Amino acid sequence: GILLYGPPGTGKTLIARAVASESRANFITVTSSDLLSKWVGESEKALREVFRRAKQAAPCIIFFDEIEALAPVRSAEDNHVSERLVSQLLTELDGLVKLNGVVVMAATNRPELVDPALLRPGRFDKILYVPLPDLSARSAIIKLYVNKHPHDENIDYLRLSQLTEGYSGADLKGVVDRAVQLAIREYVELKEKDGTEPKLRVEHLLEALKTVKPSQGKSIELVRSTQTQQRFGVS
């Protein structure tokens, strides 16, 4: 198993999808709403069905999004549903029937809430940290989203990436979306005056940065990263 952890919006789910696409394997996404049920035994049955389908569709990747909701740390005060679900997941991961051709991946932004039994070797033994994008990555992400719209060819992506330190990929998408709204508003207001065409410019992106702020501060990211490394011994 492979566990991806990091701040929200850094693309953990996209990484799992990219792995499935590049490997040409079948891909099954599982969320807490797919499994949790008020009826006794239904949650465990749904989890068994997921693994049964994966074995039939092998090679296959099972991806658990927000796994801390499915397998939280067990305690004496815990409810029986989550405890049974964690036990069932442990059984499926290293039970009597081997998962031939099946790879299990999971993502979380709160790894300290995941039950430690899942993190031992043989289960989710590969733990990878997905950080916020660096300077070059931010420039590439902004350019990727800008290229989806009519835009000025003279946009300085390096300058924009320098101004967006601490932004996640989702935050950068929000900046471009806001800039597009500003460009459309400007076009609606001016088209009858000078006949300008709607086009995204660097001025719109700079204005968008004034209202779209990073959702995850760099200091918070470093604290979470350090705490997790100390607890789980990963990097």
C-alpha atoms as a PDB file:
ATOM      1  CA  GLY A   1       0.000   0.000   0.000  1.00  0.00           C
ATOM      2  CA  ILE A   2       0.979   3.611  -0.641  1.00  0.00           C
ATOM      3  CA  LEU A   3      -0.162   6.512   1.536  1.00  0.00           C
ATOM      4  CA  LEU A   4       0.014  10.047   0.143  1.00  0.00           C
ATOM      5  CA  TYR A   5      -0.183  12.842   2.686  1.00  0.00           C
ATOM      6  CA  GLY A   6       0.227  16.596   2.568  1.00  0.00           C
ATOM      7  CA  PRO A   7      -1.646  19.908   2.671  1.00  0.00           C
ATOM      8  CA  PRO A   8      -5.055  20.148   0.979  1.00  0.00           C
ATOM      9  CA  GLY A   9      -5.047  21.003  -2.706  1.00  0.00           C
ATOM     10  CA  THR A  10      -1.583  19.676  -3.568  1.00  0.00           C
ATOM     11  CA  GLY A  11      -2.873  17.081  -6.035  1.00  0.00           C
ATOM     12  CA  LYS A  12      -2.776  13.817  -4.092  1.00  0.00           C
ATOM     13  CA  THR A  13      -5.888  12.515  -5.838  1.00  0.00           C
ATOM     14  CA  LEU A  14      -4.548  13.610  -9.221  1.00  0.00           C
ATOM     15  CA  ILE A  15      -1.324  11.678  -8.563  1.00  0.00           C
ATOM     16  CA  ALA A  16      -3.320   8.507  -7.959  1.00  0.00           C
ATOM     17  CA  ARG A  17      -5.288   9.046 -11.162  1.00  0.00           C
ATOM     18  CA  ALA A  18      -2.076   9.711 -13.090  1.00  0.00           C
ATOM     19  CA  VAL A  19      -0.586   6.470 -11.784  1.00  0.00           C
ATOM     20  CA  ALA A  20      -3.637   4.543 -12.973  1.00  0.00           C
ATOM     21  CA  SER A  21      -3.532   6.243 -16.374  1.00  0.00           C
ATOM     22  CA  GLU A  22       0.190   5.714 -16.947  1.00  0.00           C
ATOM     23  CA  SER A  23       0.078   2.087 -15.802  1.00  0.00           C
ATOM     24  CA  ARG A  24      -3.113   1.411 -17.821  1.00  0.00           C
ATOM     25  CA  ALA A  25      -4.620  -0.291 -14.770  1.00  0.00           C
ATOM     26  CA  ASN A  26      -8.243  -0.218 -13.701  1.00  0.00           C
ATOM     27  CA  PHE A  27      -8.981   2.406 -11.086  1.00  0.00           C
ATOM     28  CA  ILE A  28     -11.507   2.240  -8.227  1.00  0.00           C
ATOM     29  CA  THR A  29     -12.092   5.300  -6.038  1.00  0.00           C
ATOM     30  CA  VAL A  30     -13.520   4.771  -2.552  1.00  0.00           C
ATOM     31  CA  THR A  31     -14.807   7.511  -0.218  1.00  0.00           C
ATOM     32  CA  SER A  32     -16.348   7.313   3.241  1.00  0.00           C
ATOM     33  CA  SER A  33     -19.838   7.950   1.864  1.00  0.00           C
ATOM     34  CA  ASP A  34     -19.506   4.827  -0.313  1.00  0.00           C
ATOM     35  CA  LEU A  35     -18.971   2.538   2.654  1.00  0.00           C
ATOM     36  CA  LEU A  36     -20.463   3.949   5.841  1.00  0.00           C
ATOM     37  CA  SER A  37     -23.964   2.663   6.554  1.00  0.00           C
ATOM     38  CA  LYS A  38     -26.307   2.746   9.540  1.00  0.00           C
ATOM     39  CA  TRP A  39     -27.139  -0.947   9.071  1.00  0.00           C
ATOM     40  CA  VAL A  40     -25.022  -3.463  10.982  1.00  0.00           C
ATOM     41  CA  GLY A  41     -22.551  -5.267   8.729  1.00  0.00           C
ATOM     42  CA  GLU A  42     -23.335  -3.262   5.585  1.00  0.00           C
ATOM     43  CA  SER A  43     -20.135  -1.170   5.762  1.00  0.00           C
ATOM     44  CA  GLU A  44     -17.900  -4.225   6.010  1.00  0.00           C
ATOM     45  CA  LYS A  45     -19.861  -5.915   3.210  1.00  0.00           C
ATOM     46  CA  ALA A  46     -19.362  -2.876   0.954  1.00  0.00           C
ATOM     47  CA  LEU A  47     -15.620  -2.896   1.674  1.00  0.00           C
ATOM     48  CA  ARG A  48     -15.371  -6.615   0.846  1.00  0.00           C
ATOM     49  CA  GLU A  49     -17.206  -5.921  -2.411  1.00  0.00           C
ATOM     50  CA  VAL A  50     -14.656  -3.248  -3.349  1.00  0.00           C
ATOM     51  CA  PHE A  51     -11.765  -5.679  -2.963  1.00  0.00           C
ATOM     52  CA  ARG A  52     -13.692  -8.442  -4.754  1.00  0.00           C
ATOM     53  CA  ARG A  53     -14.241  -6.158  -7.754  1.00  0.00           C
ATOM     54  CA  ALA A  54     -10.587  -5.135  -7.716  1.00  0.00           C
ATOM     55  CA  LYS A  55      -9.413  -8.757  -7.783  1.00  0.00           C
ATOM     56  CA  GLN A  56     -11.710  -9.487 -10.725  1.00  0.00           C
ATOM     57  CA  ALA A  57     -10.495  -6.391 -12.596  1.00  0.00           C
ATOM     58  CA  ALA A  58      -6.774  -6.903 -11.880  1.00  0.00           C
ATOM     59  CA  PRO A  59      -4.452  -5.219 -12.618  1.00  0.00           C
ATOM     60  CA  CYS A  60      -6.293  -2.649 -10.542  1.00  0.00           C
ATOM     61  CA  ILE A  61      -5.623   0.276  -8.211  1.00  0.00           C
ATOM     62  CA  ILE A  62      -7.918   0.920  -5.244  1.00  0.00           C
ATOM     63  CA  PHE A  63      -7.739   4.520  -4.075  1.00  0.00           C
ATOM     64  CA  PHE A  64      -9.095   5.522  -0.649  1.00  0.00           C
ATOM     65  CA  ASP A  65      -9.634   9.272  -0.524  1.00  0.00           C
ATOM     66  CA  GLU A  66      -9.680  10.914   2.928  1.00  0.00           C
ATOM     67  CA  ILE A  67      -8.780   7.597   4.520  1.00  0.00           C
ATOM     68  CA  GLU A  68      -8.780   9.094   8.025  1.00  0.00           C
ATOM     69  CA  ALA A  69     -12.590   9.086   7.802  1.00  0.00           C
ATOM     70  CA  LEU A  70     -12.638   5.364   6.965  1.00  0.00           C
ATOM     71  CA  ALA A  71      -9.892   4.148   9.290  1.00  0.00           C
ATOM     72  CA  PRO A  72      -9.543   6.532  12.253  1.00  0.00           C
ATOM     73  CA  VAL A  73      -7.433   5.765  15.289  1.00  0.00           C
ATOM     74  CA  ARG A  74      -9.324   3.198  17.361  1.00  0.00           C
ATOM     75  CA  SER A  75     -10.024   3.828  21.041  1.00  0.00           C
ATOM     76  CA  ALA A  76     -12.144   2.427  23.862  1.00  0.00           C
ATOM     77  CA  GLU A  77     -14.708   5.172  23.280  1.00  0.00           C
ATOM     78  CA  ASP A  78     -14.888   4.582  19.529  1.00  0.00           C
ATOM     79  CA  ASN A  79     -18.112   3.493  17.853  1.00  0.00           C
ATOM     80  CA  HIS A  80     -18.336  -0.111  16.674  1.00  0.00           C
ATOM     81  CA  VAL A  81     -18.893   0.767  13.002  1.00  0.00           C
ATOM     82  CA  SER A  82     -15.510   2.417  12.450  1.00  0.00           C
ATOM     83  CA  GLU A  83     -13.761  -0.256  14.554  1.00  0.00           C
ATOM     84  CA  ARG A  84     -15.244  -3.062  12.450  1.00  0.00           C
ATOM     85  CA  LEU A  85     -14.436  -1.187   9.259  1.00  0.00           C
ATOM     86  CA  VAL A  86     -10.777  -0.802  10.269  1.00  0.00           C
ATOM     87  CA  SER A  87     -10.602  -4.497  11.160  1.00  0.00           C
ATOM     88  CA  GLN A  88     -12.133  -5.460   7.814  1.00  0.00           C
ATOM     89  CA  LEU A  89      -9.668  -3.236   5.949  1.00  0.00           C
ATOM     90  CA  LEU A  90      -6.742  -4.827   7.800  1.00  0.00           C
ATOM     91  CA  THR A  91      -8.076  -8.273   6.916  1.00  0.00           C
ATOM     92  CA  GLU A  92      -8.398  -7.398   3.234  1.00  0.00           C
ATOM     93  CA  LEU A  93      -4.898  -5.916   3.063  1.00  0.00           C
ATOM     94  CA  ASP A  94      -3.052  -8.947   4.432  1.00  0.00           C
ATOM     95  CA  GLY A  95      -5.615 -11.711   4.756  1.00  0.00           C
ATOM     96  CA  LEU A  96      -5.383 -15.312   3.618  1.00  0.00           C
ATOM     97  CA  VAL A  97      -6.220 -14.396   0.011  1.00  0.00           C
ATOM     98  CA  LYS A  98      -3.387 -12.447  -1.589  1.00  0.00           C
ATOM     99  CA  LEU A  99      -4.099  -9.289  -3.564  1.00  0.00           C
ATOM    100  CA  ASN A 100      -2.488 -10.422  -6.802  1.00  0.00           C
ATOM    101  CA  GLY A 101      -2.380  -7.542  -9.282  1.00  0.00           C
ATOM    102  CA  VAL A 102      -4.042  -5.122  -6.867  1.00  0.00           C
ATOM    103  CA  VAL A 103      -2.332  -2.006  -5.502  1.00  0.00           C
ATOM    104  CA  VAL A 104      -3.922  -0.036  -2.662  1.00  0.00           C
ATOM    105  CA  MET A 105      -3.365   3.727  -2.479  1.00  0.00           C
ATOM    106  CA  ALA A 106      -4.748   6.264  -0.019  1.00  0.00           C
ATOM    107  CA  ALA A 107      -4.602  10.013   0.549  1.00  0.00           C
ATOM    108  CA  THR A 108      -5.021  12.186   3.605  1.00  0.00           C
ATOM    109  CA  ASN A 109      -4.130  15.630   4.895  1.00  0.00           C
ATOM    110  CA  ARG A 110      -4.375  14.399   8.509  1.00  0.00           C
ATOM    111  CA  PRO A 111      -2.078  11.354   8.736  1.00  0.00           C
ATOM    112  CA  GLU A 112      -1.974  11.565  12.529  1.00  0.00           C
ATOM    113  CA  LEU A 113      -5.655  10.510  12.561  1.00  0.00           C
ATOM    114  CA  VAL A 114      -5.069   7.276  10.610  1.00  0.00           C
ATOM    115  CA  ASP A 115      -5.013   4.090  12.701  1.00  0.00           C
ATOM    116  CA  PRO A 116      -1.344   3.108  13.294  1.00  0.00           C
ATOM    117  CA  ALA A 117      -2.089  -0.543  12.471  1.00  0.00           C
ATOM    118  CA  LEU A 118      -2.465   0.470   8.822  1.00  0.00           C
ATOM    119  CA  LEU A 119       1.024   1.955   8.678  1.00  0.00           C
ATOM    120  CA  ARG A 120       3.081  -1.098   9.523  1.00  0.00           C
ATOM    121  CA  PRO A 121       5.169  -2.885   6.838  1.00  0.00           C
ATOM    122  CA  GLY A 122       3.028  -4.966   4.524  1.00  0.00           C
ATOM    123  CA  ARG A 123       0.085  -2.573   4.629  1.00  0.00           C
ATOM    124  CA  PHE A 124       0.623   1.126   3.927  1.00  0.00           C
ATOM    125  CA  ASP A 125       4.371   0.766   4.264  1.00  0.00           C
ATOM    126  CA  LYS A 126       5.233   3.396   1.633  1.00  0.00           C
ATOM    127  CA  ILE A 127       4.374   6.854   2.988  1.00  0.00           C
ATOM    128  CA  LEU A 128       5.010   9.771   0.621  1.00  0.00           C
ATOM    129  CA  TYR A 129       4.768  13.458   1.441  1.00  0.00           C
ATOM    130  CA  VAL A 130       3.204  15.656  -1.283  1.00  0.00           C
ATOM    131  CA  PRO A 131       4.415  19.216  -0.602  1.00  0.00           C
ATOM    132  CA  LEU A 132       3.173  22.554  -1.826  1.00  0.00           C
ATOM    133  CA  PRO A 133       4.464  23.350  -5.341  1.00  0.00           C
ATOM    134  CA  ASP A 134       7.852  25.056  -5.619  1.00  0.00           C
ATOM    135  CA  LEU A 135       8.694  28.048  -7.819  1.00  0.00           C
ATOM    136  CA  SER A 136       8.953  26.197 -11.129  1.00  0.00           C
ATOM    137  CA  ALA A 137       5.907  24.050 -10.362  1.00  0.00           C
ATOM    138  CA  ARG A 138       3.774  27.119  -9.552  1.00  0.00           C
ATOM    139  CA  SER A 139       4.824  28.704 -12.845  1.00  0.00           C
ATOM    140  CA  ALA A 140       3.854  25.551 -14.765  1.00  0.00           C
ATOM    141  CA  ILE A 141       0.504  25.246 -12.958  1.00  0.00           C
ATOM    142  CA  ILE A 142      -0.441  28.876 -13.626  1.00  0.00           C
ATOM    143  CA  LYS A 143       0.534  28.521 -17.285  1.00  0.00           C
ATOM    144  CA  LEU A 144      -1.494  25.301 -17.575  1.00  0.00           C
ATOM    145  CA  TYR A 145      -4.703  26.952 -16.366  1.00  0.00           C
ATOM    146  CA  VAL A 146      -4.114  30.220 -18.232  1.00  0.00           C
ATOM    147  CA  ASN A 147      -3.677  28.343 -21.519  1.00  0.00           C
ATOM    148  CA  LYS A 148      -7.263  27.106 -21.235  1.00  0.00           C
ATOM    149  CA  HIS A 149      -8.501  30.664 -21.896  1.00  0.00           C
ATOM    150  CA  PRO A 150      -7.766  33.398 -24.460  1.00  0.00           C
ATOM    151  CA  HIS A 151      -4.822  35.282 -22.976  1.00  0.00           C
ATOM    152  CA  ASP A 152      -2.078  37.797 -23.594  1.00  0.00           C
ATOM    153  CA  GLU A 153       1.130  36.153 -24.789  1.00  0.00           C
ATOM    154  CA  ASN A 154       3.271  38.490 -22.653  1.00  0.00           C
ATOM    155  CA  ILE A 155       2.210  37.157 -19.250  1.00  0.00           C
ATOM    156  CA  ASP A 156       5.204  36.944 -16.886  1.00  0.00           C
ATOM    157  CA  TYR A 157       4.718  33.521 -15.268  1.00  0.00           C
ATOM    158  CA  LEU A 158       7.967  33.765 -13.300  1.00  0.00           C
ATOM    159  CA  ARG A 159       6.796  36.963 -11.615  1.00  0.00           C
ATOM    160  CA  LEU A 160       3.447  35.395 -10.766  1.00  0.00           C
ATOM    161  CA  SER A 161       5.075  32.290  -9.326  1.00  0.00           C
ATOM    162  CA  GLN A 162       7.288  34.470  -7.124  1.00  0.00           C
ATOM    163  CA  LEU A 163       4.184  36.216  -5.757  1.00  0.00           C
ATOM    164  CA  THR A 164       2.363  32.963  -4.972  1.00  0.00           C
ATOM    165  CA  GLU A 165       4.669  31.285  -2.472  1.00  0.00           C
ATOM    166  CA  GLY A 166       2.606  29.110  -0.126  1.00  0.00           C
ATOM    167  CA  TYR A 167      -0.189  28.594  -2.684  1.00  0.00           C
ATOM    168  CA  SER A 168      -1.354  25.060  -3.442  1.00  0.00           C
ATOM    169  CA  GLY A 169      -2.354  23.857  -6.896  1.00  0.00           C
ATOM    170  CA  ALA A 170      -6.022  24.368  -6.006  1.00  0.00           C
ATOM    171  CA  ASP A 171      -5.261  27.896  -4.798  1.00  0.00           C
ATOM    172  CA  LEU A 172      -3.543  28.730  -8.098  1.00  0.00           C
ATOM    173  CA  LYS A 173      -6.548  27.445 -10.025  1.00  0.00           C
ATOM    174  CA  GLY A 174      -8.684  29.732  -7.892  1.00  0.00           C
ATOM    175  CA  VAL A 175      -6.459  32.682  -8.812  1.00  0.00           C
ATOM    176  CA  VAL A 176      -6.837  31.996 -12.539  1.00  0.00           C
ATOM    177  CA  ASP A 177     -10.607  31.454 -12.205  1.00  0.00           C
ATOM    178  CA  ARG A 178     -10.937  34.784 -10.403  1.00  0.00           C
ATOM    179  CA  ALA A 179      -8.798  36.491 -13.047  1.00  0.00           C
ATOM    180  CA  VAL A 180     -11.055  35.081 -15.774  1.00  0.00           C
ATOM    181  CA  GLN A 181     -14.071  36.576 -14.002  1.00  0.00           C
ATOM    182  CA  LEU A 182     -12.341  39.948 -13.896  1.00  0.00           C
ATOM    183  CA  ALA A 183     -11.469  39.740 -17.594  1.00  0.00           C
ATOM    184  CA  ILE A 184     -15.069  38.891 -18.515  1.00  0.00           C
ATOM    185  CA  ARG A 185     -16.400  41.735 -16.390  1.00  0.00           C
ATOM    186  CA  GLU A 186     -13.995  44.158 -18.049  1.00  0.00           C
ATOM    187  CA  TYR A 187     -15.018  42.947 -21.490  1.00  0.00           C
ATOM    188  CA  VAL A 188     -18.722  43.343 -20.744  1.00  0.00           C
ATOM    189  CA  GLU A 189     -18.170  46.880 -19.538  1.00  0.00           C
ATOM    190  CA  LEU A 190     -15.900  48.012 -22.402  1.00  0.00           C
ATOM    191  CA  LYS A 191     -16.957  46.098 -25.511  1.00  0.00           C
ATOM    192  CA  GLU A 192     -19.482  48.714 -26.591  1.00  0.00           C
ATOM    193  CA  LYS A 193     -16.942  51.514 -26.157  1.00  0.00           C
ATOM    194  CA  ASP A 194     -13.816  50.386 -28.001  1.00  0.00           C
ATOM    195  CA  GLY A 195     -14.611  46.902 -29.375  1.00  0.00           C
ATOM    196  CA  THR A 196     -11.885  45.108 -27.397  1.00  0.00           C
ATOM    197  CA  GLU A 197     -11.798  41.310 -27.395  1.00  0.00           C
ATOM    198  CA  PRO A 198     -11.969  39.358 -24.118  1.00  0.00           C
ATOM    199  CA  LYS A 199      -8.451  38.335 -23.140  1.00  0.00           C
ATOM    200  CA  LEU A 200      -6.771  37.331 -19.892  1.00  0.00           C
ATOM    201  CA  ARG A 201      -3.883  39.648 -18.990  1.00  0.00           C
ATOM    202  CA  VAL A 202      -1.341  39.800 -16.201  1.00  0.00           C
ATOM    203  CA  GLU A 203      -3.248  42.733 -14.673  1.00  0.00           C
ATOM    204  CA  HIS A 204      -6.223  40.465 -14.084  1.00  0.00           C
ATOM    205  CA  LEU A 205      -4.040  37.841 -12.404  1.00  0.00           C
ATOM    206  CA  LEU A 206      -2.368  40.414 -10.155  1.00  0.00           C
ATOM    207  CA  GLU A 207      -5.769  41.782  -9.165  1.00  0.00           C
ATOM    208  CA  ALA A 208      -7.006  38.260  -8.428  1.00  0.00           C
ATOM    209  CA  LEU A 209      -4.074  37.721  -6.059  1.00  0.00           C
ATOM    210  CA  LYS A 210      -5.437  40.502  -3.850  1.00  0.00           C
ATOM    211  CA  THR A 211      -8.565  38.489  -3.042  1.00  0.00           C
ATOM    212  CA  VAL A 212      -7.466  34.843  -3.411  1.00  0.00           C
ATOM    213  CA  LYS A 213      -5.117  34.014  -0.547  1.00  0.00           C
ATOM    214  CA  PRO A 214      -3.298  30.717   0.145  1.00  0.00           C
ATOM    215  CA  SER A 215      -5.469  28.273   2.057  1.00  0.00           C
ATOM    216  CA  GLN A 216      -2.468  26.657   3.735  1.00  0.00           C
ATOM    217  CA  GLY A 217       0.300  28.759   5.280  1.00  0.00           C
ATOM    218  CA  LYS A 218       3.885  27.643   4.838  1.00  0.00           C
ATOM    219  CA  SER A 219       4.470  27.601   8.600  1.00  0.00           C
ATOM    220  CA  ILE A 220       1.481  25.277   9.136  1.00  0.00           C
ATOM    221  CA  GLU A 221       2.746  22.984   6.387  1.00  0.00           C
ATOM    222  CA  LEU A 222       6.192  22.726   7.973  1.00  0.00           C
ATOM    223  CA  VAL A 223       4.766  22.041  11.432  1.00  0.00           C
ATOM    224  CA  ARG A 224       2.504  19.263  10.143  1.00  0.00           C
ATOM    225  CA  SER A 225       5.321  17.805   8.072  1.00  0.00           C
ATOM    226  CA  THR A 226       7.748  17.798  11.013  1.00  0.00           C
ATOM    227  CA  GLN A 227       5.217  16.307  13.429  1.00  0.00           C
ATOM    228  CA  THR A 228       4.309  13.551  11.002  1.00  0.00           C
ATOM    229  CA  GLN A 229       7.932  12.713  10.265  1.00  0.00           C
ATOM    230  CA  GLN A 230       8.678  12.431  13.964  1.00  0.00           C
ATOM    231  CA  ARG A 231       5.637  10.213  14.607  1.00  0.00           C
ATOM    232  CA  PHE A 232       5.819   7.925  11.585  1.00  0.00           C
ATOM    233  CA  GLY A 233       9.513   8.150  10.745  1.00  0.00           C
ATOM    234  CA  VAL A 234       8.933   9.188   7.137  1.00  0.00           C
ATOM    235  CA  SER A 235      10.194  11.966   4.903  1.00  0.00           C
END
